[in-house]
Amino acid sequence: MLKTKYAGQGSAAQKYDLITALGSHALSLNKTEQRRVLRLITLVTARYNWGRNELAVGQREIARLWSCDERTVKREMARFRAMGWLTVKRQGARGRVTEYQMELADVMNDTRATWEAVGPDFALRVEGAPEQTSVVPFPAGTQSVQSPPPDISDGTEWSLAQAVLHQEDQARFGAWLQALTRGERAGGRLTLRAPSRFHARYVQNNMAREVLLACQAVDSSVSEILITD
């Protein structure tokens, strides 16, 4: 199920997925359309308020960010509205800038054709991620428990990545990531094993991006994470 608001637990990975989808989509287009999508990516990355799901930036500021004139900004913003990617939350008046909302589900649907080019797990992760209202709880008692740091004595990319993940969020690490063990390594693909099918699917759908980034932080040759039971 595609999310309509990217905030809360796991939102950082979902934002990465949105930008990835937009970038992959842009690269499949002609140069004019590529520049248009790049402008949106830059604007969203720099100025979007994810907590309130809104963009409130004046045309002069956008023109400066895009290195263009305000007429171009006006035309491009109108184009995004026509595409259904942006809608007006509140019209600007008396010195107040227009506030926009990004229609995230529509953006993702329009970029769907290039998802396979990103990787075999991308569509599963994006479509399988639950809405924020359907949160799987941590196992009882893990929220306030300080998880012990992982053993990194074997020096593998996974043990070192576990240390990174432990520093980022001890509660989530103890609940979901500590139980993962290193499986096979084939080129850039690293397979991790979970104690159950449910555990593997939940981590794959909701935390695979964070796990991949942690692995790449300690071993840049890792290009894909596969989590299985």
Protein backbone atom coordinates (compact mmCIF):
# COMPACT_ATOMS: atom_id res chain seq x y z
CA MET A 1 0.00 0.00 0.00
CA LEU A 2 1.48 3.36 -1.03
CA LYS A 3 1.87 5.89 1.75
CA THR A 4 0.24 9.32 1.57
CA LYS A 5 2.35 10.94 4.29
CA TYR A 6 6.01 10.34 5.02
CA ALA A 7 6.48 10.99 8.73
CA GLY A 8 7.29 8.92 11.80
CA GLN A 9 9.05 5.56 12.09
CA GLY A 10 10.77 4.48 8.89
CA SER A 11 10.00 7.76 7.12
CA ALA A 12 13.64 8.45 6.21
CA ALA A 13 13.82 5.29 4.08
CA GLN A 14 10.47 6.08 2.46
CA LYS A 15 11.73 9.55 1.48
CA TYR A 16 14.80 7.93 -0.07
CA ASP A 17 12.49 5.65 -2.02
CA LEU A 18 10.45 8.64 -3.25
CA ILE A 19 13.56 10.46 -4.46
CA THR A 20 14.87 7.24 -6.02
CA ALA A 21 11.61 6.73 -7.89
CA LEU A 22 11.62 10.32 -9.14
CA GLY A 23 15.26 10.12 -10.21
CA SER A 24 14.83 6.83 -12.05
CA HIS A 25 11.70 8.20 -13.73
CA ALA A 26 13.52 11.38 -14.79
CA LEU A 27 16.35 9.44 -16.38
CA SER A 28 13.86 7.69 -18.65
CA LEU A 29 12.59 11.01 -20.04
CA ASN A 30 13.87 13.60 -22.52
CA LYS A 31 16.14 16.43 -21.35
CA THR A 32 13.32 18.94 -20.86
CA GLU A 33 11.32 16.56 -18.68
CA GLN A 34 14.46 15.47 -16.84
CA ARG A 35 15.16 19.06 -15.83
CA ARG A 36 11.57 19.52 -14.68
CA VAL A 37 11.70 16.48 -12.39
CA LEU A 38 15.17 17.49 -11.15
CA ARG A 39 13.74 20.86 -10.17
CA LEU A 40 11.02 19.17 -8.15
CA ILE A 41 13.50 16.82 -6.47
CA THR A 42 15.69 19.78 -5.47
CA LEU A 43 12.74 21.80 -4.19
CA VAL A 44 11.29 18.93 -2.19
CA THR A 45 14.65 17.91 -0.74
CA ALA A 46 15.51 21.46 0.30
CA ARG A 47 12.21 22.93 1.43
CA TYR A 48 9.40 20.39 1.89
CA ASN A 49 7.85 20.22 5.37
CA TRP A 50 7.27 16.48 5.77
CA GLY A 51 5.64 16.74 9.18
CA ARG A 52 2.91 19.04 7.86
CA ASN A 53 2.99 17.59 4.33
CA GLU A 54 3.29 21.02 2.73
CA LEU A 55 5.50 23.24 0.63
CA ALA A 56 5.34 26.95 1.46
CA VAL A 57 8.01 28.76 -0.55
CA GLY A 58 7.71 31.99 -2.54
CA GLN A 59 8.34 32.11 -6.29
CA ARG A 60 11.36 34.37 -5.81
CA GLU A 61 13.03 31.84 -3.50
CA ILE A 62 12.24 28.98 -5.87
CA ALA A 63 13.66 30.93 -8.80
CA ARG A 64 16.88 31.48 -6.87
CA LEU A 65 17.07 27.76 -6.01
CA TRP A 66 16.41 26.74 -9.61
CA SER A 67 18.64 29.44 -11.17
CA CYS A 68 15.80 30.65 -13.38
CA ASP A 69 13.30 33.52 -13.56
CA GLU A 70 9.96 33.70 -11.76
CA ARG A 71 7.99 33.19 -14.97
CA THR A 72 9.66 29.79 -15.33
CA VAL A 73 8.76 28.97 -11.72
CA LYS A 74 5.14 29.92 -12.33
CA ARG A 75 5.00 27.76 -15.46
CA GLU A 76 6.65 24.75 -13.83
CA MET A 77 4.50 24.87 -10.71
CA ALA A 78 1.42 25.03 -12.93
CA ARG A 79 2.72 22.01 -14.80
CA PHE A 80 3.16 20.03 -11.57
CA ARG A 81 -0.42 20.90 -10.63
CA ALA A 82 -1.66 19.77 -14.03
CA MET A 83 0.21 16.49 -13.59
CA GLY A 84 -1.53 16.00 -10.23
CA TRP A 85 1.77 15.95 -8.34
CA LEU A 86 1.07 19.17 -6.43
CA THR A 87 -2.21 20.57 -5.16
CA VAL A 88 -2.90 23.91 -3.51
CA LYS A 89 -3.62 23.69 0.24
CA ARG A 90 -4.03 27.44 0.67
CA GLN A 91 -3.89 30.14 -1.98
CA GLY A 92 -1.41 32.95 -1.37
CA ALA A 93 -2.81 36.39 -0.60
CA ARG A 94 -1.65 39.69 0.94
CA GLY A 95 1.99 38.77 1.23
CA ARG A 96 1.35 35.14 2.15
CA VAL A 97 2.86 32.55 -0.19
CA THR A 98 0.77 29.78 -1.71
CA GLU A 99 0.99 26.52 0.22
CA TYR A 100 1.18 23.30 -1.79
CA GLN A 101 0.78 19.65 -0.89
CA MET A 102 2.62 16.90 -2.71
CA GLU A 103 0.31 14.08 -3.81
CA LEU A 104 2.73 11.32 -2.90
CA ALA A 105 0.65 8.35 -4.02
CA ASP A 106 0.09 9.94 -7.44
CA VAL A 107 3.80 10.69 -7.83
CA MET A 108 4.71 7.10 -7.01
CA ASN A 109 2.05 5.69 -9.32
CA ASP A 110 3.30 7.86 -12.21
CA THR A 111 6.86 6.62 -11.72
CA ARG A 112 5.90 2.95 -11.44
CA ALA A 113 7.11 2.05 -14.94
CA THR A 114 10.76 2.47 -13.94
CA TRP A 115 10.63 0.70 -10.57
CA GLU A 116 12.01 -2.54 -11.98
CA ALA A 117 15.09 -0.66 -13.15
CA VAL A 118 15.85 0.26 -9.53
CA GLY A 119 16.04 -3.31 -8.29
CA PRO A 120 13.93 -6.43 -7.74
CA ASP A 121 13.09 -5.53 -4.13
CA PHE A 122 12.03 -1.94 -4.79
CA ALA A 123 8.40 -2.50 -5.81
CA LEU A 124 7.87 -5.00 -2.98
CA ARG A 125 9.27 -2.56 -0.44
CA VAL A 126 7.29 0.43 -1.68
CA GLU A 127 3.98 -1.33 -2.19
CA GLY A 128 4.32 -3.60 0.82
CA ALA A 129 5.14 -0.88 3.39
CA PRO A 130 2.18 -0.49 5.77
CA GLU A 131 0.47 2.83 6.36
CA GLN A 132 1.62 4.75 9.41
CA THR A 133 -1.69 3.91 11.09
CA SER A 134 -0.88 0.20 10.88
CA VAL A 135 2.23 -0.01 13.01
CA VAL A 136 3.52 -3.39 14.10
CA PRO A 137 4.44 -2.98 17.79
CA PHE A 138 7.85 -3.76 19.22
CA PRO A 139 7.97 -6.98 21.20
CA ALA A 140 6.92 -6.38 24.80
CA GLY A 141 9.44 -4.61 26.96
CA THR A 142 11.87 -3.60 24.20
CA GLN A 143 10.98 0.09 23.97
CA SER A 144 12.82 1.14 27.10
CA VAL A 145 15.52 -1.54 27.19
CA GLN A 146 19.03 -0.52 26.20
CA SER A 147 20.27 -3.20 23.79
CA PRO A 148 23.89 -4.29 24.29
CA PRO A 149 26.22 -3.36 21.42
CA PRO A 150 26.84 -6.12 18.87
CA ASP A 151 30.00 -8.18 18.76
CA ILE A 152 32.16 -6.86 15.90
CA SER A 153 35.15 -9.12 16.50
CA ASP A 154 34.60 -11.11 13.29
CA GLY A 155 35.00 -7.91 11.24
CA THR A 156 32.33 -8.80 8.66
CA GLU A 157 30.39 -6.08 6.92
CA TRP A 158 27.21 -7.19 8.69
CA SER A 159 28.63 -7.06 12.23
CA LEU A 160 30.07 -3.60 11.53
CA ALA A 161 26.75 -2.48 10.01
CA GLN A 162 24.96 -3.78 13.11
CA ALA A 163 27.13 -1.45 15.20
CA VAL A 164 25.97 1.47 13.04
CA LEU A 165 22.32 0.46 13.34
CA HIS A 166 22.67 -0.03 17.09
CA GLN A 167 23.91 3.54 17.46
CA GLU A 168 21.02 4.91 15.39
CA ASP A 169 18.15 3.26 17.30
CA GLN A 170 18.83 0.77 20.09
CA ALA A 171 15.19 -0.17 20.66
CA ARG A 172 14.49 -0.99 17.03
CA PHE A 173 17.85 -2.74 16.72
CA GLY A 174 17.06 -4.99 19.68
CA ALA A 175 13.55 -5.73 18.44
CA TRP A 176 14.18 -6.42 14.75
CA LEU A 177 17.80 -6.20 13.60
CA GLN A 178 19.81 -7.94 16.30
CA ALA A 179 18.27 -11.30 15.38
CA LEU A 180 19.40 -11.13 11.76
CA THR A 181 22.41 -13.27 10.93
CA ARG A 182 24.77 -13.09 7.99
CA GLY A 183 24.02 -15.48 5.16
CA GLU A 184 25.57 -15.70 1.72
CA ARG A 185 27.50 -12.95 -0.05
CA ALA A 186 27.40 -13.02 -3.84
CA GLY A 187 29.11 -10.02 -5.40
CA GLY A 188 27.32 -6.94 -4.13
CA ARG A 189 24.34 -8.88 -2.75
CA LEU A 190 24.34 -9.68 0.96
CA THR A 191 21.76 -12.15 2.28
CA LEU A 192 20.62 -11.84 5.89
CA ARG A 193 18.61 -14.53 7.69
CA ALA A 194 15.71 -13.81 10.03
CA PRO A 195 14.24 -16.16 12.64
CA SER A 196 10.84 -16.32 10.90
CA ARG A 197 9.14 -15.51 7.60
CA PHE A 198 7.10 -12.73 9.20
CA HIS A 199 10.25 -11.21 10.72
CA ALA A 200 12.06 -11.34 7.37
CA ARG A 201 9.17 -9.79 5.44
CA TYR A 202 8.64 -7.01 7.95
CA VAL A 203 12.30 -5.99 7.97
CA GLN A 204 12.54 -6.29 4.18
CA ASN A 205 9.49 -4.08 3.68
CA ASN A 206 10.18 -1.49 6.37
CA MET A 207 13.89 -1.37 7.19
CA ALA A 208 15.77 -2.67 4.15
CA ARG A 209 16.83 0.80 3.10
CA GLU A 210 18.36 1.64 6.48
CA VAL A 211 20.08 -1.76 6.57
CA LEU A 212 21.52 -1.23 3.08
CA LEU A 213 22.80 2.25 3.95
CA ALA A 214 24.43 0.94 7.13
CA CYS A 215 26.15 -1.83 5.17
CA GLN A 216 27.32 0.61 2.51
CA ALA A 217 28.71 2.88 5.23
CA VAL A 218 31.17 0.14 6.19
CA ASP A 219 31.52 -1.60 2.81
CA SER A 220 30.75 0.45 -0.32
CA SER A 221 30.71 -2.68 -2.50
CA VAL A 222 27.37 -3.81 -0.99
CA SER A 223 24.69 -2.93 -3.53
CA GLU A 224 21.71 -5.06 -2.47
CA ILE A 225 20.28 -6.56 0.72
CA LEU A 226 18.09 -9.66 0.68
CA ILE A 227 16.40 -10.67 3.92
CA THR A 228 15.00 -14.19 4.13
CA ASP A 229 14.07 -16.77 6.75
